[in-house]
């Protein structure tokens, strides 16, 4: 059984997240296990923006997704390789829109004596709202024509 590791922010879940995780699991073949690492709020804030959904809720949602076997929060101090050492995956899946340099990441994995092979998922879910940032922008620019949004219970 192969262990596949995937990671991401997973803020404002959309179909692209599900496709990425399913395709990541598929990289391991039949009976593979998918381990997902959800980025800490502090990590996201350093690199991109303040997440809309907090880290514990994002983790909870990821654990509910069908392809996911186990999910964890990333390392608090930002050392991405610590959790790689703990999970000891055969494959590290990089999302099609993630900016990681696969070759550089593979070199660092090899340098640390880890067995993982880094692979980019090639399938991408192209849609109007195919990223959390696009969803946020749409909400910010939508004209709700005076409709009250406070009644979203």
C-alpha atoms as a PDB file:
ATOM      1  CA  UNK A   1       0.000   0.000   0.000  1.00  0.00           C
ATOM      2  CA  UNK A   2       1.430   3.366  -1.047  1.00  0.00           C
ATOM      3  CA  UNK A   3       1.205   6.461   1.112  1.00  0.00           C
ATOM      4  CA  UNK A   4       0.452   9.691  -0.714  1.00  0.00           C
ATOM      5  CA  UNK A   5       0.746  13.084   0.932  1.00  0.00           C
ATOM      6  CA  UNK A   6      -1.011  16.212  -0.298  1.00  0.00           C
ATOM      7  CA  UNK A   7      -1.086  19.660   1.251  1.00  0.00           C
ATOM      8  CA  UNK A   8      -2.792  22.988   0.885  1.00  0.00           C
ATOM      9  CA  UNK A   9      -4.686  25.792   2.530  1.00  0.00           C
ATOM     10  CA  UNK A  10      -8.150  24.502   1.570  1.00  0.00           C
ATOM     11  CA  UNK A  11      -9.864  27.774   2.380  1.00  0.00           C
ATOM     12  CA  UNK A  12     -13.439  28.006   1.030  1.00  0.00           C
ATOM     13  CA  UNK A  13     -13.660  24.478  -0.344  1.00  0.00           C
ATOM     14  CA  UNK A  14     -14.613  24.137  -3.998  1.00  0.00           C
ATOM     15  CA  UNK A  15     -14.634  21.245  -6.536  1.00  0.00           C
ATOM     16  CA  UNK A  16     -11.001  21.859  -7.470  1.00  0.00           C
ATOM     17  CA  UNK A  17      -9.938  20.833  -3.964  1.00  0.00           C
ATOM     18  CA  UNK A  18     -11.834  17.554  -4.227  1.00  0.00           C
ATOM     19  CA  UNK A  19     -10.406  16.806  -7.675  1.00  0.00           C
ATOM     20  CA  UNK A  20      -6.868  17.587  -6.494  1.00  0.00           C
ATOM     21  CA  UNK A  21      -7.209  15.236  -3.529  1.00  0.00           C
ATOM     22  CA  UNK A  22      -8.763  12.430  -5.590  1.00  0.00           C
ATOM     23  CA  UNK A  23      -6.079  12.744  -8.266  1.00  0.00           C
ATOM     24  CA  UNK A  24      -3.391  12.819  -5.564  1.00  0.00           C
ATOM     25  CA  UNK A  25      -4.714   9.574  -4.130  1.00  0.00           C
ATOM     26  CA  UNK A  26      -4.825   8.064  -7.628  1.00  0.00           C
ATOM     27  CA  UNK A  27      -1.070   8.648  -7.968  1.00  0.00           C
ATOM     28  CA  UNK A  28      -0.573   5.893  -5.398  1.00  0.00           C
ATOM     29  CA  UNK A  29      -2.696   3.378  -7.284  1.00  0.00           C
ATOM     30  CA  UNK A  30      -5.103   0.817  -5.949  1.00  0.00           C
ATOM     31  CA  UNK A  31      -5.449   0.737  -2.140  1.00  0.00           C
ATOM     32  CA  UNK A  32      -3.245   3.776  -1.573  1.00  0.00           C
ATOM     33  CA  UNK A  33      -3.791   5.954   1.503  1.00  0.00           C
ATOM     34  CA  UNK A  34      -4.042   9.727   1.280  1.00  0.00           C
ATOM     35  CA  UNK A  35      -2.583  11.869   4.055  1.00  0.00           C
ATOM     36  CA  UNK A  36      -3.470  15.556   3.831  1.00  0.00           C
ATOM     37  CA  UNK A  37      -1.618  18.376   5.542  1.00  0.00           C
ATOM     38  CA  UNK A  38      -3.686  21.530   6.060  1.00  0.00           C
ATOM     39  CA  UNK A  39      -1.665  24.729   6.268  1.00  0.00           C
ATOM     40  CA  UNK A  40      -1.677  26.560   9.579  1.00  0.00           C
ATOM     41  CA  UNK A  41      -3.281  30.001   9.703  1.00  0.00           C
ATOM     42  CA  UNK A  42       0.118  31.494  10.564  1.00  0.00           C
ATOM     43  CA  UNK A  43       1.719  29.879   7.511  1.00  0.00           C
ATOM     44  CA  UNK A  44      -1.019  31.141   5.178  1.00  0.00           C
ATOM     45  CA  UNK A  45      -0.746  34.648   6.606  1.00  0.00           C
ATOM     46  CA  UNK A  46       3.026  34.706   5.963  1.00  0.00           C
ATOM     47  CA  UNK A  47       2.658  33.576   2.367  1.00  0.00           C
ATOM     48  CA  UNK A  48      -0.660  34.822   1.009  1.00  0.00           C
ATOM     49  CA  UNK A  49      -3.430  36.291   3.085  1.00  0.00           C
ATOM     50  CA  UNK A  50      -5.553  35.822   6.179  1.00  0.00           C
ATOM     51  CA  UNK A  51      -7.673  32.702   5.679  1.00  0.00           C
ATOM     52  CA  UNK A  52     -11.458  33.136   5.810  1.00  0.00           C
ATOM     53  CA  UNK A  53     -11.966  29.788   7.543  1.00  0.00           C
ATOM     54  CA  UNK A  54      -9.779  28.968  10.543  1.00  0.00           C
ATOM     55  CA  UNK A  55      -7.307  26.091  10.523  1.00  0.00           C
ATOM     56  CA  UNK A  56      -9.301  23.768  12.804  1.00  0.00           C
ATOM     57  CA  UNK A  57     -12.470  24.110  10.735  1.00  0.00           C
ATOM     58  CA  UNK A  58     -10.517  23.624   7.481  1.00  0.00           C
ATOM     59  CA  UNK A  59      -8.970  20.475   8.962  1.00  0.00           C
ATOM     60  CA  UNK A  60     -12.390  19.206  10.024  1.00  0.00           C
ATOM     61  CA  UNK A  61     -13.781  19.717   6.505  1.00  0.00           C
ATOM     62  CA  UNK A  62     -10.824  17.989   4.842  1.00  0.00           C
ATOM     63  CA  UNK A  63     -11.243  14.970   7.132  1.00  0.00           C
ATOM     64  CA  UNK A  64     -14.832  14.631   5.825  1.00  0.00           C
ATOM     65  CA  UNK A  65     -13.824  14.312   2.167  1.00  0.00           C
ATOM     66  CA  UNK A  66     -14.085  10.881   0.594  1.00  0.00           C
ATOM     67  CA  UNK A  67     -10.524  10.502  -0.751  1.00  0.00           C
ATOM     68  CA  UNK A  68      -8.895  11.535   2.549  1.00  0.00           C
ATOM     69  CA  UNK A  69      -7.724   8.787   4.893  1.00  0.00           C
ATOM     70  CA  UNK A  70      -5.962  10.979   7.446  1.00  0.00           C
ATOM     71  CA  UNK A  71      -5.467  14.730   7.839  1.00  0.00           C
ATOM     72  CA  UNK A  72      -3.246  16.871  10.019  1.00  0.00           C
ATOM     73  CA  UNK A  73      -2.413  20.505  10.613  1.00  0.00           C
ATOM     74  CA  UNK A  74       1.005  21.543   9.329  1.00  0.00           C
ATOM     75  CA  UNK A  75       3.964  22.195  11.584  1.00  0.00           C
ATOM     76  CA  UNK A  76       3.599  25.263  13.775  1.00  0.00           C
ATOM     77  CA  UNK A  77       7.158  26.478  13.131  1.00  0.00           C
ATOM     78  CA  UNK A  78       6.825  26.236   9.344  1.00  0.00           C
ATOM     79  CA  UNK A  79       9.262  23.329   8.822  1.00  0.00           C
ATOM     80  CA  UNK A  80       7.385  21.517   6.049  1.00  0.00           C
ATOM     81  CA  UNK A  81       9.774  18.563   6.129  1.00  0.00           C
ATOM     82  CA  UNK A  82       9.059  17.602   9.755  1.00  0.00           C
ATOM     83  CA  UNK A  83       5.609  16.251   8.896  1.00  0.00           C
ATOM     84  CA  UNK A  84       7.000  14.605   5.748  1.00  0.00           C
ATOM     85  CA  UNK A  85       9.421  12.716   8.004  1.00  0.00           C
ATOM     86  CA  UNK A  86       6.546  11.729  10.341  1.00  0.00           C
ATOM     87  CA  UNK A  87       4.170  10.529   7.600  1.00  0.00           C
ATOM     88  CA  UNK A  88       6.986   9.025   5.491  1.00  0.00           C
ATOM     89  CA  UNK A  89       5.016   9.070   2.216  1.00  0.00           C
ATOM     90  CA  UNK A  90       5.960   7.288  -0.993  1.00  0.00           C
ATOM     91  CA  UNK A  91       4.563  10.174  -3.061  1.00  0.00           C
ATOM     92  CA  UNK A  92       4.143  13.875  -2.360  1.00  0.00           C
ATOM     93  CA  UNK A  93       1.431  15.285  -4.618  1.00  0.00           C
ATOM     94  CA  UNK A  94       1.699  18.910  -5.684  1.00  0.00           C
ATOM     95  CA  UNK A  95      -1.470  20.591  -6.915  1.00  0.00           C
ATOM     96  CA  UNK A  96      -1.633  21.874 -10.482  1.00  0.00           C
ATOM     97  CA  UNK A  97      -1.902  25.489  -9.309  1.00  0.00           C
ATOM     98  CA  UNK A  98       0.537  25.277  -6.403  1.00  0.00           C
ATOM     99  CA  UNK A  99       3.739  27.252  -6.919  1.00  0.00           C
ATOM    100  CA  UNK A 100       6.158  24.678  -5.477  1.00  0.00           C
ATOM    101  CA  UNK A 101       9.178  23.916  -7.646  1.00  0.00           C
ATOM    102  CA  UNK A 102       8.949  20.121  -8.004  1.00  0.00           C
ATOM    103  CA  UNK A 103      12.643  19.643  -8.840  1.00  0.00           C
ATOM    104  CA  UNK A 104      13.826  21.792  -5.928  1.00  0.00           C
ATOM    105  CA  UNK A 105      11.455  20.015  -3.536  1.00  0.00           C
ATOM    106  CA  UNK A 106      12.629  16.588  -4.783  1.00  0.00           C
ATOM    107  CA  UNK A 107      16.274  17.615  -4.258  1.00  0.00           C
ATOM    108  CA  UNK A 108      15.519  18.621  -0.658  1.00  0.00           C
ATOM    109  CA  UNK A 109      13.646  15.333  -0.048  1.00  0.00           C
ATOM    110  CA  UNK A 110      16.613  13.381  -1.450  1.00  0.00           C
ATOM    111  CA  UNK A 111      19.113  15.421   0.575  1.00  0.00           C
ATOM    112  CA  UNK A 112      17.242  14.484   3.761  1.00  0.00           C
ATOM    113  CA  UNK A 113      17.328  10.787   2.844  1.00  0.00           C
ATOM    114  CA  UNK A 114      13.557  10.496   2.490  1.00  0.00           C
ATOM    115  CA  UNK A 115      12.055   8.021   0.014  1.00  0.00           C
ATOM    116  CA  UNK A 116       9.220  10.210  -1.304  1.00  0.00           C
ATOM    117  CA  UNK A 117       8.874  10.992  -4.989  1.00  0.00           C
ATOM    118  CA  UNK A 118       7.408  14.441  -5.729  1.00  0.00           C
ATOM    119  CA  UNK A 119       4.757  14.515  -8.464  1.00  0.00           C
ATOM    120  CA  UNK A 120       2.544  17.280  -9.771  1.00  0.00           C
ATOM    121  CA  UNK A 121      -1.142  16.465 -10.254  1.00  0.00           C
ATOM    122  CA  UNK A 122      -1.941  17.379 -13.843  1.00  0.00           C
ATOM    123  CA  UNK A 123      -5.746  17.506 -13.708  1.00  0.00           C
ATOM    124  CA  UNK A 124      -7.151  20.958 -13.027  1.00  0.00           C
ATOM    125  CA  UNK A 125     -10.800  21.874 -12.528  1.00  0.00           C
ATOM    126  CA  UNK A 126     -11.182  24.933 -14.747  1.00  0.00           C
ATOM    127  CA  UNK A 127     -14.224  26.960 -13.763  1.00  0.00           C
ATOM    128  CA  UNK A 128     -15.316  30.517 -13.086  1.00  0.00           C
ATOM    129  CA  UNK A 129     -14.730  30.012  -9.354  1.00  0.00           C
ATOM    130  CA  UNK A 130     -11.818  27.557  -9.373  1.00  0.00           C
ATOM    131  CA  UNK A 131      -9.890  29.105  -6.497  1.00  0.00           C
ATOM    132  CA  UNK A 132     -10.669  30.448  -3.048  1.00  0.00           C
ATOM    133  CA  UNK A 133      -9.313  33.844  -4.096  1.00  0.00           C
ATOM    134  CA  UNK A 134     -11.733  34.001  -7.038  1.00  0.00           C
ATOM    135  CA  UNK A 135     -14.627  33.151  -4.715  1.00  0.00           C
ATOM    136  CA  UNK A 136     -13.584  35.921  -2.316  1.00  0.00           C
ATOM    137  CA  UNK A 137     -13.270  38.443  -5.164  1.00  0.00           C
ATOM    138  CA  UNK A 138     -16.710  37.517  -6.492  1.00  0.00           C
ATOM    139  CA  UNK A 139     -18.295  37.987  -3.064  1.00  0.00           C
ATOM    140  CA  UNK A 140     -16.558  41.357  -2.678  1.00  0.00           C
ATOM    141  CA  UNK A 141     -17.722  42.605  -6.080  1.00  0.00           C
ATOM    142  CA  UNK A 142     -21.224  41.128  -6.180  1.00  0.00           C
ATOM    143  CA  UNK A 143     -24.065  43.612  -6.202  1.00  0.00           C
ATOM    144  CA  UNK A 144     -26.712  42.128  -3.960  1.00  0.00           C
ATOM    145  CA  UNK A 145     -29.177  44.822  -5.070  1.00  0.00           C
ATOM    146  CA  UNK A 146     -29.884  45.985  -1.567  1.00  0.00           C
ATOM    147  CA  UNK A 147     -30.777  42.505  -0.305  1.00  0.00           C
ATOM    148  CA  UNK A 148     -30.018  42.005   3.364  1.00  0.00           C
ATOM    149  CA  UNK A 149     -27.340  39.368   3.827  1.00  0.00           C
ATOM    150  CA  UNK A 150     -27.613  39.173   7.599  1.00  0.00           C
ATOM    151  CA  UNK A 151     -30.302  36.492   7.416  1.00  0.00           C
ATOM    152  CA  UNK A 152     -27.995  33.656   6.386  1.00  0.00           C
ATOM    153  CA  UNK A 153     -29.000  31.356   9.258  1.00  0.00           C
END
